[in-house]
N, C-alpha and C. Protein backbone atom coordinates (compact mmCIF):
# COMPACT_ATOMS: atom_id res chain seq x y z
N MET A 1 1.00 -0.52 0.64
CA MET A 1 -0.16 0.28 -0.26
C MET A 1 0.78 1.62 -0.04
N SER A 2 0.38 1.83 -0.97
CA SER A 2 1.70 3.62 -1.16
C SER A 2 0.99 4.66 -0.24
N GLY A 3 2.41 5.85 0.35
CA GLY A 3 1.67 6.25 1.17
C GLY A 3 0.70 6.63 1.08
N GLY A 4 0.81 7.14 -0.33
CA GLY A 4 -0.81 8.41 -0.22
C GLY A 4 -2.24 7.50 -0.21
N ARG A 5 -2.62 6.10 -0.79
CA ARG A 5 -3.53 5.51 0.58
C ARG A 5 -3.74 4.62 2.02
N ALA A 6 -2.66 5.53 1.99
CA ALA A 6 -2.57 4.84 3.92
C ALA A 6 -2.81 5.94 4.04
N ALA A 7 -2.47 7.01 4.40
CA ALA A 7 -2.86 8.52 4.68
C ALA A 7 -4.96 8.96 3.89
N ASN A 8 -5.24 8.24 2.72
CA ASN A 8 -5.70 8.71 2.84
C ASN A 8 -7.48 7.62 3.42
N LEU A 9 -6.61 6.45 3.76
CA LEU A 9 -7.76 5.63 4.31
C LEU A 9 -7.46 6.06 5.76
N PHE A 10 -6.59 7.35 6.84
CA PHE A 10 -6.31 7.13 7.55
C PHE A 10 -7.18 8.49 8.04
N TRP A 11 -7.14 9.27 6.75
CA TRP A 11 -8.11 10.84 7.54
C TRP A 11 -10.39 10.17 7.43
N GLY A 12 -9.74 9.30 6.42
CA GLY A 12 -11.50 8.57 6.63
C GLY A 12 -11.65 8.29 8.26
N SER A 13 -10.85 7.06 8.10
CA SER A 13 -11.14 6.80 9.80
C SER A 13 -11.25 7.56 10.72
N MET A 14 -10.24 8.57 10.78
CA MET A 14 -10.31 9.59 11.66
C MET A 14 -11.55 10.49 11.50
N ASN A 15 -12.47 10.88 10.25
CA ASN A 15 -13.47 11.53 9.58
C ASN A 15 -14.94 10.37 10.73
N PHE A 16 -15.22 9.31 9.88
CA PHE A 16 -15.61 8.01 10.76
C PHE A 16 -15.31 8.32 12.41
N LEU A 17 -15.21 7.84 12.83
CA LEU A 17 -14.44 8.14 13.96
C LEU A 17 -15.20 9.35 14.81
N TYR A 18 -14.48 10.50 14.27
CA TYR A 18 -15.65 12.20 14.77
C TYR A 18 -16.88 12.11 14.86
N ILE A 19 -17.42 11.54 13.28
CA ILE A 19 -19.39 11.87 13.42
C ILE A 19 -19.58 11.17 14.68
N ILE A 20 -19.28 9.36 14.80
CA ILE A 20 -19.68 8.86 15.21
C ILE A 20 -19.23 9.38 17.04
N LEU A 21 -18.78 9.63 17.26
CA LEU A 21 -18.04 9.85 18.40
C LEU A 21 -18.79 11.44 19.00
N PHE A 22 -19.08 12.40 17.80
CA PHE A 22 -19.33 13.58 18.64
C PHE A 22 -20.86 13.82 17.63
N SER A 23 -20.93 13.44 16.89
CA SER A 23 -23.06 13.20 16.50
C SER A 23 -23.42 12.28 16.63
N VAL A 24 -23.18 11.32 17.30
CA VAL A 24 -23.99 9.89 17.07
C VAL A 24 -23.47 9.13 18.90
N VAL A 25 -23.02 9.15 19.79
CA VAL A 25 -23.04 8.73 20.73
C VAL A 25 -22.86 10.10 21.84
N LEU A 26 -22.07 11.14 21.27
CA LEU A 26 -22.18 12.54 22.40
C LEU A 26 -23.41 13.30 22.45
N PRO A 27 -24.31 13.06 21.78
CA PRO A 27 -26.49 13.98 21.71
C PRO A 27 -26.99 12.43 22.73
N MET A 28 -26.48 11.35 22.16
CA MET A 28 -27.35 10.74 23.07
C MET A 28 -26.30 10.35 23.99
N TRP A 29 -25.42 10.04 24.59
CA TRP A 29 -25.60 9.97 26.04
C TRP A 29 -25.90 11.59 26.79
N THR A 30 -26.57 12.32 25.98
CA THR A 30 -26.32 13.98 27.03
C THR A 30 -27.75 13.34 26.78
N LEU A 31 -28.49 13.06 26.01
CA LEU A 31 -30.60 13.24 26.18
C LEU A 31 -30.52 11.74 27.38
N THR A 32 -29.71 11.23 27.50
CA THR A 32 -30.39 10.18 28.35
C THR A 32 -29.60 10.40 29.36
N ALA A 33 -28.46 11.03 29.94
CA ALA A 33 -27.95 11.97 31.25
C ALA A 33 -29.54 12.84 31.28
N LEU A 34 -29.70 13.93 30.97
CA LEU A 34 -30.64 14.82 31.23
C LEU A 34 -31.97 14.01 31.32
N THR A 35 -32.42 12.87 31.03
CA THR A 35 -33.88 12.26 31.44
C THR A 35 -33.25 11.88 32.98
N SER A 36 -32.25 10.66 32.81
CA SER A 36 -31.97 10.06 34.26
C SER A 36 -31.90 10.89 35.60
N LEU A 37 -31.30 12.60 35.08
CA LEU A 37 -31.35 13.84 36.45
C LEU A 37 -32.75 14.25 36.80
N SER A 38 -32.18 14.77 38.26
CA SER A 38 -33.61 14.49 38.69
C SER A 38 -32.58 16.22 40.11
N ILE A 39 -33.36 16.93 39.71
CA ILE A 39 -32.66 17.94 40.61
C ILE A 39 -34.08 18.83 41.79
N SER A 40 -33.93 18.82 43.48
CA SER A 40 -35.03 19.12 43.56
C SER A 40 -36.74 18.69 43.05
N ASP A 41 -37.16 17.36 43.16
CA ASP A 41 -37.69 16.75 42.19
C ASP A 41 -38.19 17.09 40.75
N ILE A 42 -36.85 17.63 40.40
CA ILE A 42 -37.39 18.21 39.20
C ILE A 42 -37.33 17.18 37.20
N SER A 43 -38.06 16.81 36.95
CA SER A 43 -37.48 16.26 35.76
C SER A 43 -37.72 16.65 34.79
N ILE A 44 -36.74 15.88 33.56
CA ILE A 44 -36.74 16.20 32.41
C ILE A 44 -37.37 15.74 31.27
N THR A 45 -38.14 15.59 31.06
CA THR A 45 -38.63 14.78 29.28
C THR A 45 -38.87 15.39 28.30
N PHE A 46 -39.32 14.67 27.09
CA PHE A 46 -39.30 15.52 25.78
C PHE A 46 -41.09 15.08 25.32
N GLY A 47 -41.01 15.20 24.51
CA GLY A 47 -42.24 16.05 23.21
C GLY A 47 -43.33 14.63 23.44
N GLN A 48 -42.28 13.39 23.20
CA GLN A 48 -42.53 11.91 22.80
C GLN A 48 -42.27 11.16 23.81
N GLU A 49 -43.05 10.43 24.04
CA GLU A 49 -42.39 9.83 25.64
C GLU A 49 -41.62 8.66 24.82
N ASP A 50 -42.55 8.14 23.25
CA ASP A 50 -41.34 6.96 22.31
C ASP A 50 -40.34 7.39 21.88
N PHE A 51 -39.33 8.76 22.47
CA PHE A 51 -38.17 8.60 22.16
C PHE A 51 -36.94 7.85 21.88
N PHE A 52 -36.87 7.13 23.12
CA PHE A 52 -35.70 6.15 23.44
C PHE A 52 -35.68 4.69 21.79
N GLU A 53 -37.31 4.53 21.71
CA GLU A 53 -37.67 3.71 20.80
C GLU A 53 -37.52 4.02 19.55
N MET A 54 -36.75 5.89 19.14
CA MET A 54 -36.90 5.79 17.84
C MET A 54 -34.85 5.84 18.30
N THR A 55 -34.40 5.39 18.57
CA THR A 55 -32.92 5.85 19.11
C THR A 55 -31.99 4.74 17.84
N VAL A 56 -33.32 4.21 17.64
CA VAL A 56 -32.59 3.00 16.15
C VAL A 56 -32.46 2.96 15.21
N TRP A 57 -33.15 4.21 14.97
CA TRP A 57 -33.03 4.75 12.80
C TRP A 57 -32.05 5.76 13.64
N LEU A 58 -32.21 6.47 14.91
CA LEU A 58 -30.94 8.02 15.09
C LEU A 58 -29.80 7.30 14.80
N LEU A 59 -30.02 5.63 15.26
CA LEU A 59 -28.02 5.18 15.17
C LEU A 59 -28.18 4.50 14.00
N ARG A 60 -29.21 4.35 12.82
CA ARG A 60 -28.26 4.31 11.68
C ARG A 60 -28.57 4.84 10.90
N ILE A 61 -29.29 6.29 10.62
CA ILE A 61 -28.43 7.25 10.26
C ILE A 61 -27.40 8.03 10.58
N GLY A 62 -26.92 7.46 11.71
CA GLY A 62 -25.22 7.98 12.06
C GLY A 62 -24.69 7.41 11.02
N ILE A 63 -24.50 6.20 11.41
CA ILE A 63 -24.47 5.36 10.80
C ILE A 63 -23.37 5.57 9.67
N VAL A 64 -24.79 5.43 8.82
CA VAL A 64 -24.87 6.00 7.50
C VAL A 64 -24.00 7.49 7.09
N MET A 65 -23.83 8.37 8.03
CA MET A 65 -24.01 9.85 7.80
C MET A 65 -21.99 9.52 7.95
N ALA A 66 -21.59 8.24 9.02
CA ALA A 66 -19.90 8.75 9.52
C ALA A 66 -19.83 7.32 7.97
N ALA A 67 -19.96 7.01 7.56
CA ALA A 67 -20.15 5.97 6.45
C ALA A 67 -19.46 6.82 4.86
N PHE A 68 -20.66 8.35 4.83
CA PHE A 68 -20.46 9.21 3.80
C PHE A 68 -18.94 9.79 4.55
N ALA A 69 -19.19 9.91 5.64
CA ALA A 69 -17.61 11.12 5.99
C ALA A 69 -16.28 10.22 5.69
N PHE A 70 -16.54 8.87 5.80
CA PHE A 70 -15.23 8.01 5.73
C PHE A 70 -15.48 8.17 4.13
N PHE A 71 -15.77 8.13 3.26
CA PHE A 71 -15.73 7.88 2.06
C PHE A 71 -15.09 9.17 1.76
N LYS A 72 -16.09 10.34 1.81
CA LYS A 72 -14.95 11.70 1.08
C LYS A 72 -13.97 11.80 1.94
N GLY A 73 -13.56 11.53 3.37
CA GLY A 73 -11.72 11.38 3.87
C GLY A 73 -10.55 10.76 3.06
N SER A 74 -11.64 9.27 2.91
CA SER A 74 -11.08 8.60 1.91
C SER A 74 -10.64 9.00 0.58
N SER A 75 -10.88 10.26 -0.25
CA SER A 75 -11.05 10.23 -1.18
C SER A 75 -9.71 11.75 -1.77
N PRO A 76 -8.88 11.17 -2.48
CA PRO A 76 -7.87 12.07 -3.27
C PRO A 76 -8.65 13.41 -2.95
N LYS A 77 -7.88 14.37 -2.74
CA LYS A 77 -8.10 16.66 -3.27
C LYS A 77 -8.53 16.20 -4.16
N TYR A 78 -9.26 16.95 -3.89
CA TYR A 78 -9.40 17.63 -6.03
C TYR A 78 -10.30 16.82 -6.08
N SER A 79 -10.62 15.55 -5.99
CA SER A 79 -11.53 14.30 -7.10
C SER A 79 -13.15 14.05 -6.97
N ARG A 80 -13.57 13.79 -7.65
CA ARG A 80 -15.26 14.05 -7.70
C ARG A 80 -15.61 12.83 -6.52
N ARG A 81 -14.89 11.74 -6.40
CA ARG A 81 -15.56 11.41 -5.38
C ARG A 81 -15.70 12.02 -4.10
N ARG A 82 -14.31 12.76 -3.84
CA ARG A 82 -14.66 13.81 -2.40
C ARG A 82 -16.19 14.31 -2.44
N ALA A 83 -16.00 15.33 -3.59
CA ALA A 83 -17.23 15.66 -4.02
C ALA A 83 -18.61 15.31 -3.56
N ILE A 84 -18.08 14.12 -4.30
CA ILE A 84 -19.52 13.49 -3.90
C ILE A 84 -19.69 13.16 -2.88
N GLY A 85 -18.64 12.77 -2.22
CA GLY A 85 -18.72 12.11 -0.06
C GLY A 85 -19.38 13.15 0.37
N ALA A 86 -18.87 14.52 -0.06
CA ALA A 86 -19.49 15.42 1.26
C ALA A 86 -20.61 16.01 0.76
N LEU A 87 -21.13 15.49 -0.37
CA LEU A 87 -22.73 15.78 -0.70
C LEU A 87 -23.84 14.90 -0.12
N LEU A 88 -23.44 13.65 -0.27
CA LEU A 88 -23.74 12.24 0.83
C LEU A 88 -23.94 12.30 2.26
N GLU A 89 -23.05 13.31 2.53
CA GLU A 89 -22.47 13.21 3.74
C GLU A 89 -24.08 14.34 4.74
N THR A 90 -23.72 15.63 3.49
CA THR A 90 -24.98 16.53 4.03
C THR A 90 -26.66 16.12 4.11
N ILE A 91 -26.26 15.03 3.06
CA ILE A 91 -27.83 15.36 2.91
C ILE A 91 -28.41 14.01 3.63
N ALA A 92 -27.24 13.15 4.35
CA ALA A 92 -28.01 12.40 5.30
C ALA A 92 -27.37 13.13 6.30
N GLU A 93 -26.91 14.76 6.77
CA GLU A 93 -26.85 15.05 8.67
C GLU A 93 -28.37 15.34 8.01
N ILE A 94 -29.05 16.23 7.35
CA ILE A 94 -30.44 16.74 7.03
C ILE A 94 -31.50 15.64 7.27
N PHE A 95 -30.67 14.58 7.06
CA PHE A 95 -32.17 13.63 7.67
C PHE A 95 -31.60 12.93 9.00
N TYR A 96 -30.75 12.72 9.58
CA TYR A 96 -30.31 12.26 11.09
C TYR A 96 -31.00 13.96 11.63
N ILE A 97 -30.74 15.15 11.22
CA ILE A 97 -30.84 16.21 12.58
C ILE A 97 -32.70 15.77 12.10
N PHE A 98 -33.61 15.97 10.98
CA PHE A 98 -35.02 15.82 11.09
C PHE A 98 -35.24 14.42 11.60
N MET A 99 -34.47 13.70 12.00
CA MET A 99 -35.40 12.78 13.06
C MET A 99 -35.71 12.61 14.15
N TYR A 100 -33.75 13.58 14.93
CA TYR A 100 -33.77 14.48 16.26
C TYR A 100 -35.46 15.60 16.46
N LYS A 101 -35.39 15.53 15.20
CA LYS A 101 -37.00 17.09 15.67
C LYS A 101 -37.91 15.65 15.57
N PHE A 102 -37.97 15.33 14.53
CA PHE A 102 -39.08 14.10 15.33
C PHE A 102 -39.67 13.24 15.83
N SER A 103 -38.17 13.27 16.72
CA SER A 103 -38.95 12.80 17.80
C SER A 103 -39.02 13.57 18.96
N GLY A 104 -39.43 14.77 18.93
CA GLY A 104 -39.82 15.06 19.78
C GLY A 104 -38.80 15.75 21.02
N THR A 105 -37.20 15.11 20.33
CA THR A 105 -36.54 15.52 21.46
C THR A 105 -35.84 17.47 21.33
N SER A 106 -36.47 18.13 20.72
CA SER A 106 -36.61 19.46 20.28
C SER A 106 -38.28 20.28 20.97
N ASN A 107 -38.46 19.66 21.95
CA ASN A 107 -39.93 19.82 23.36
C ASN A 107 -39.49 19.36 23.99
N ILE A 108 -38.74 19.94 24.84
CA ILE A 108 -38.36 19.68 26.00
C ILE A 108 -39.39 19.80 27.30
N HIS A 109 -38.89 19.07 28.45
CA HIS A 109 -40.11 19.36 29.85
C HIS A 109 -39.50 19.70 30.57
N LEU A 110 -39.44 20.35 31.83
CA LEU A 110 -39.26 20.65 33.03
C LEU A 110 -40.42 20.03 33.58
N VAL A 111 -40.34 19.25 34.28
CA VAL A 111 -41.48 19.10 35.49
C VAL A 111 -41.32 18.60 36.65
N GLY A 112 -42.10 18.89 37.55
CA GLY A 112 -41.29 18.87 38.71
C GLY A 112 -42.84 19.23 39.90
N PRO A 113 -43.08 19.27 41.03
CA PRO A 113 -43.86 19.44 41.86
C PRO A 113 -44.77 21.07 41.45
N ASN A 114 -46.05 21.42 40.73
CA ASN A 114 -46.10 22.75 41.38
C ASN A 114 -45.79 23.75 40.10
N LEU A 115 -44.43 22.64 39.29
CA LEU A 115 -44.13 23.62 38.24
C LEU A 115 -44.22 22.33 36.78
N PHE A 116 -44.58 23.17 35.83
CA PHE A 116 -44.11 22.60 34.07
C PHE A 116 -43.63 23.25 33.36
N ILE A 117 -42.26 23.53 33.00
CA ILE A 117 -42.28 24.18 31.39
C ILE A 117 -41.53 24.37 30.77
N ASN A 118 -42.28 24.12 29.03
CA ASN A 118 -42.13 23.67 27.74
C ASN A 118 -40.97 24.49 27.11
N LEU A 119 -39.36 23.96 26.96
CA LEU A 119 -38.94 24.28 26.02
C LEU A 119 -38.67 24.02 24.40
N ASN A 120 -39.39 24.55 23.27
CA ASN A 120 -39.49 24.06 22.26
C ASN A 120 -38.58 25.14 21.90
N LEU A 121 -37.71 23.74 21.35
CA LEU A 121 -36.56 23.98 20.08
C LEU A 121 -37.19 24.15 18.95
N ASP A 122 -37.79 24.39 18.19
CA ASP A 122 -38.12 23.56 16.85
C ASP A 122 -37.62 24.48 15.67
N LYS A 123 -38.06 25.53 16.30
CA LYS A 123 -37.17 26.82 15.45
C LYS A 123 -35.50 26.87 14.51
N MET A 124 -35.15 26.23 16.18
CA MET A 124 -33.71 26.50 16.34
C MET A 124 -33.54 25.44 15.06
N LEU A 125 -33.55 24.16 15.70
CA LEU A 125 -34.12 22.78 14.89
C LEU A 125 -33.89 23.17 13.12
N THR A 126 -34.83 24.34 12.65
CA THR A 126 -35.31 24.66 11.57
C THR A 126 -34.38 25.35 10.94
N LEU A 127 -34.69 26.16 11.68
CA LEU A 127 -33.38 26.99 11.21
C LEU A 127 -31.41 26.55 10.53
N TYR A 128 -31.08 25.96 11.74
CA TYR A 128 -29.91 24.58 11.66
C TYR A 128 -30.01 23.74 10.25
N MET A 129 -31.25 23.23 9.78
CA MET A 129 -31.61 22.58 8.35
C MET A 129 -31.48 23.42 7.39
N GLY A 130 -31.84 24.65 7.73
CA GLY A 130 -32.06 24.96 6.38
C GLY A 130 -30.25 25.67 6.24
N MET A 131 -30.21 26.19 7.21
CA MET A 131 -28.37 26.50 7.16
C MET A 131 -27.38 24.94 6.40
N ILE A 132 -28.34 23.55 6.87
CA ILE A 132 -27.65 22.58 5.74
C ILE A 132 -27.86 22.47 4.53
N LEU A 133 -29.07 23.20 4.68
CA LEU A 133 -29.57 23.10 3.07
C LEU A 133 -29.18 23.79 2.11
N LEU A 134 -28.29 24.77 2.44
CA LEU A 134 -27.65 25.88 1.88
C LEU A 134 -26.15 25.12 0.99
N TYR A 135 -25.56 24.65 2.28
CA TYR A 135 -23.88 24.28 1.89
C TYR A 135 -24.85 22.84 1.01
N VAL A 136 -26.06 22.04 0.73
CA VAL A 136 -26.35 20.94 -0.32
C VAL A 136 -25.78 21.91 -1.38
N PHE A 137 -25.88 23.23 -1.91
CA PHE A 137 -25.42 23.44 -3.07
C PHE A 137 -24.11 24.38 -3.05
N TYR A 138 -23.41 24.32 -2.20
CA TYR A 138 -22.08 24.38 -2.39
C TYR A 138 -21.73 23.22 -2.75
N ASN A 139 -21.83 21.74 -2.03
CA ASN A 139 -21.45 20.75 -2.15
C ASN A 139 -21.63 20.55 -4.33
N ILE A 140 -23.10 20.54 -4.61
CA ILE A 140 -22.79 20.60 -5.99
C ILE A 140 -21.64 21.47 -6.94
N TRP A 141 -21.98 22.93 -6.20
CA TRP A 141 -21.38 23.30 -7.53
C TRP A 141 -19.86 22.89 -7.30
N ASP A 142 -19.56 22.15 -5.87
CA ASP A 142 -18.19 21.56 -5.85
C ASP A 142 -17.81 20.58 -6.53
N ILE A 143 -19.23 19.43 -7.11
CA ILE A 143 -19.14 18.75 -7.74
C ILE A 143 -18.33 19.10 -9.39
N ILE A 144 -19.14 20.19 -9.62
CA ILE A 144 -19.28 20.89 -11.27
C ILE A 144 -17.41 21.47 -11.07
N ASP A 145 -17.06 22.17 -10.28
CA ASP A 145 -15.74 22.84 -10.31
C ASP A 145 -15.11 21.55 -9.90
N THR A 146 -14.80 20.38 -9.35
CA THR A 146 -13.84 19.59 -9.59
C THR A 146 -13.85 18.79 -10.70
N HIS A 147 -15.56 18.32 -11.46
CA HIS A 147 -15.53 17.84 -12.47
C HIS A 147 -14.42 18.98 -13.86
N PHE A 148 -14.35 20.34 -13.86
CA PHE A 148 -14.31 21.00 -14.60
C PHE A 148 -12.41 21.44 -14.82
N TRP A 149 -11.85 21.60 -13.33
CA TRP A 149 -11.47 22.39 -13.23
C TRP A 149 -10.14 21.40 -11.90
N GLY A 150 -10.43 20.34 -11.04
CA GLY A 150 -9.58 20.12 -10.47
C GLY A 150 -9.10 18.90 -10.25
N ARG A 151 -8.60 18.77 -11.95
CA ARG A 151 -7.97 18.30 -12.11
C ARG A 151 -5.87 19.11 -11.85
N GLU A 152 -6.50 19.71 -13.01
CA GLU A 152 -5.94 21.04 -13.44
C GLU A 152 -4.80 21.83 -11.29
N ARG A 153 -6.34 21.73 -11.41
CA ARG A 153 -5.25 22.46 -9.51
C ARG A 153 -4.46 21.10 -8.83
N ALA A 154 -5.35 19.95 -9.30
CA ALA A 154 -4.70 18.58 -9.17
C ALA A 154 -3.05 18.82 -9.28
N GLU A 155 -3.13 19.16 -10.37
CA GLU A 155 -1.51 19.04 -11.14
C GLU A 155 -1.17 20.26 -10.65
N LYS A 156 -1.30 20.41 -10.06
CA LYS A 156 0.10 22.02 -10.20
C LYS A 156 0.30 21.69 -8.71
N GLU A 157 -0.49 21.52 -7.99
CA GLU A 157 -0.10 20.99 -6.04
C GLU A 157 0.97 20.11 -5.95
N ILE A 158 0.56 18.90 -7.17
CA ILE A 158 1.63 18.31 -6.87
C ILE A 158 2.83 18.68 -7.35
N LYS A 159 2.99 19.52 -9.14
CA LYS A 159 3.78 20.94 -8.98
C LYS A 159 4.56 21.89 -8.32
N LYS A 160 4.45 21.63 -7.99
CA LYS A 160 4.36 22.63 -6.63
C LYS A 160 5.18 22.03 -5.73
N LYS A 161 4.76 20.96 -4.90
CA LYS A 161 5.58 19.35 -3.49
C LYS A 161 6.43 18.97 -4.48
N MET A 162 6.32 18.55 -5.43
CA MET A 162 7.77 18.12 -6.21
C MET A 162 8.97 19.39 -6.24
N GLU A 163 8.84 20.88 -6.68
CA GLU A 163 9.88 21.60 -6.52
C GLU A 163 10.77 21.98 -4.96
N LYS A 164 9.56 22.06 -4.76
CA LYS A 164 9.45 22.30 -3.08
C LYS A 164 10.57 21.07 -2.93
N LYS A 165 10.36 19.69 -3.03
CA LYS A 165 11.20 18.69 -2.74
C LYS A 165 12.80 18.56 -3.39
N TRP A 166 12.61 18.78 -4.44
CA TRP A 166 13.75 19.32 -5.50
C TRP A 166 15.56 20.87 -4.30
N LYS A 167 13.89 21.39 -4.41
CA LYS A 167 15.28 22.50 -3.95
C LYS A 167 15.99 22.61 -2.15
N LYS A 168 14.87 21.35 -2.42
CA LYS A 168 15.40 21.09 -0.28
C LYS A 168 16.50 19.21 -0.81
N ILE A 169 16.69 18.53 -1.63
CA ILE A 169 17.32 18.24 -2.22
C ILE A 169 18.21 18.46 -2.42
N MET A 170 18.34 19.99 -3.23
CA MET A 170 19.86 20.31 -3.94
C MET A 170 20.09 21.29 -2.87
N LYS A 171 19.77 21.65 -1.90
CA LYS A 171 20.06 22.16 -0.70
C LYS A 171 20.83 21.30 0.30
N LYS A 172 20.00 20.29 0.32
CA LYS A 172 20.86 19.54 0.99
C LYS A 172 22.74 18.52 0.79
N GLN A 173 22.62 18.89 -1.21
CA GLN A 173 23.70 18.81 -1.95
C GLN A 173 25.03 19.23 -2.21
N GLY A 174 24.62 20.80 -1.35
CA GLY A 174 25.08 22.07 -1.13
C GLY A 174 24.89 22.95 -2.69
N TYR A 175 24.16 23.19 -3.19
CA TYR A 175 23.59 23.58 -4.79
C TYR A 175 21.63 24.33 -4.49
N VAL A 176 22.25 25.74 -4.91
CA VAL A 176 21.48 26.44 -4.43
C VAL A 176 20.50 27.01 -5.72
N PRO A 177 19.49 26.62 -6.38
CA PRO A 177 19.43 26.63 -7.73
C PRO A 177 18.56 28.68 -7.51
N PRO A 178 19.26 28.95 -8.93
CA PRO A 178 17.71 30.44 -8.96
C PRO A 178 16.88 30.00 -8.88
N ALA A 179 16.23 31.24 -8.99
CA ALA A 179 14.67 31.58 -8.70
C ALA A 179 13.73 30.72 -9.90
N THR A 180 14.08 30.88 -10.58
CA THR A 180 14.03 30.94 -12.59
C THR A 180 14.50 29.69 -13.01
N GLU A 181 14.88 28.97 -11.88
CA GLU A 181 15.89 27.46 -12.45
C GLU A 181 14.53 26.49 -12.55
N SER A 182 14.50 26.19 -13.51
CA SER A 182 13.46 25.13 -13.62
C SER A 182 14.26 23.61 -13.05
N PRO A 183 12.88 22.55 -12.93
CA PRO A 183 13.96 21.61 -12.06
C PRO A 183 15.09 20.40 -13.55
N VAL A 184 14.02 20.24 -14.54
CA VAL A 184 15.07 20.21 -15.44
C VAL A 184 16.33 20.50 -15.42
N GLU A 185 16.38 21.59 -15.77
CA GLU A 185 18.24 22.45 -15.72
C GLU A 185 18.95 22.17 -14.63
N ALA A 186 18.16 22.03 -13.26
CA ALA A 186 18.44 21.64 -12.05
C ALA A 186 19.99 20.81 -12.16
N PRO A 187 19.81 19.42 -12.44
CA PRO A 187 20.61 18.91 -12.40
C PRO A 187 22.35 19.30 -13.49
N LEU A 188 22.11 19.77 -14.42
CA LEU A 188 22.86 19.88 -15.12
C LEU A 188 23.75 21.02 -14.85
N SER A 189 22.98 22.06 -14.33
CA SER A 189 23.58 22.89 -12.84
C SER A 189 24.68 22.08 -12.21
N ALA A 190 23.97 21.43 -11.16
CA ALA A 190 24.17 21.24 -9.96
C ALA A 190 25.51 20.26 -10.03
N SER A 191 25.62 19.60 -11.24
CA SER A 191 27.06 19.12 -12.00
C SER A 191 28.28 19.40 -11.97
N LYS A 192 27.66 21.00 -13.09
CA LYS A 192 29.24 21.69 -13.19
C LYS A 192 29.33 22.99 -12.14
N ALA A 193 28.79 22.91 -10.89
CA ALA A 193 28.76 23.82 -9.66
C ALA A 193 29.57 22.68 -9.35
N LYS A 194 29.30 21.08 -9.04
CA LYS A 194 30.28 20.50 -8.04
C LYS A 194 31.71 20.51 -8.71
N THR A 195 32.69 20.41 -8.04
CA THR A 195 34.19 20.81 -8.83
C THR A 195 34.75 20.42 -7.44
N THR A 196 35.75 19.30 -7.89
CA THR A 196 36.25 19.23 -6.49
C THR A 196 38.30 19.79 -6.46
N PRO A 197 38.18 19.65 -5.69
CA PRO A 197 39.50 20.08 -5.76
C PRO A 197 40.79 19.63 -5.70
N THR A 198 40.71 18.56 -6.39
CA THR A 198 41.34 18.41 -7.44
C THR A 198 40.92 19.00 -9.09
N GLN A 199 40.28 18.92 -8.65
CA GLN A 199 39.99 19.32 -9.97
C GLN A 199 40.32 20.76 -10.72
N LYS A 200 40.06 21.08 -9.75
CA LYS A 200 39.83 22.81 -9.84
C LYS A 200 41.89 22.88 -9.67
N ASN A 201 42.10 22.17 -8.99
CA ASN A 201 44.19 22.61 -8.77
C ASN A 201 44.36 22.12 -10.59
N ASP A 202 43.86 20.78 -11.05
CA ASP A 202 44.04 20.82 -12.60
C ASP A 202 43.80 21.83 -13.86
N ASN A 203 42.95 22.86 -13.16
CA ASN A 203 42.89 23.36 -14.35
C ASN A 203 43.14 24.98 -14.28
N GLU A 204 43.74 25.11 -12.67
CA GLU A 204 44.32 26.20 -12.93
C GLU A 204 45.77 26.03 -13.47
N GLU A 205 46.43 24.54 -13.16
CA GLU A 205 47.74 24.06 -13.88
C GLU A 205 47.19 24.56 -15.22
N ALA A 206 46.10 24.25 -15.97
CA ALA A 206 46.40 24.20 -17.16
C ALA A 206 46.41 25.73 -18.05
N ASN A 207 45.90 26.41 -17.36
CA ASN A 207 45.98 27.55 -17.81
C ASN A 207 46.88 27.70 -17.18
N PHE A 208 47.59 27.87 -15.99
CA PHE A 208 48.89 29.08 -15.90
C PHE A 208 49.94 28.18 -17.03
N LEU A 209 49.66 26.55 -17.77
CA LEU A 209 50.39 26.38 -18.71
C LEU A 209 50.67 26.68 -20.40
N ALA A 210 49.22 26.95 -19.62
CA ALA A 210 48.53 27.64 -21.43
C ALA A 210 49.40 29.43 -21.71
């Protein structure tokens, strides 16, 4: 396995773990902890009593979203596969947020003796879904952009990395190329620049005899 593929798999795995931990496990753990919390006989409930029966669907959609995140993270930069993976991940995230809204999580009840407070977060979740929906159009444009100009940008970035690596190698060998010199001309200039002390003395003696 080449270094590039290993790096892509690593970043894909990191994206997968990030979505699983922070978008799936952490919210569910927080909601479970809130419902089991009781302060001064005040309990927290949600708008629908069957919320925890819907956690299976939330978990399924969360895993699908994490799989698309892996697909995006493991794809090369400026590739259509990466842009398509980002679009699929955004669509899955919209369904994921909608399931939270549909499950009644956005309708929180604080219940206690002589106390009933209702916190409705539907508008907040709807606003968040709208922001994600706008991101879908960005993903669509990214697919179009990478289809027509992605290869050109990738080639420019590879060329830039190669030139940087070449300059570093030449510098280690004691040769600093001019700023206008290309990587093709560099080996010839470097070979001309490298002369041993013996060759230098021979050249001086030949010039003296001449």
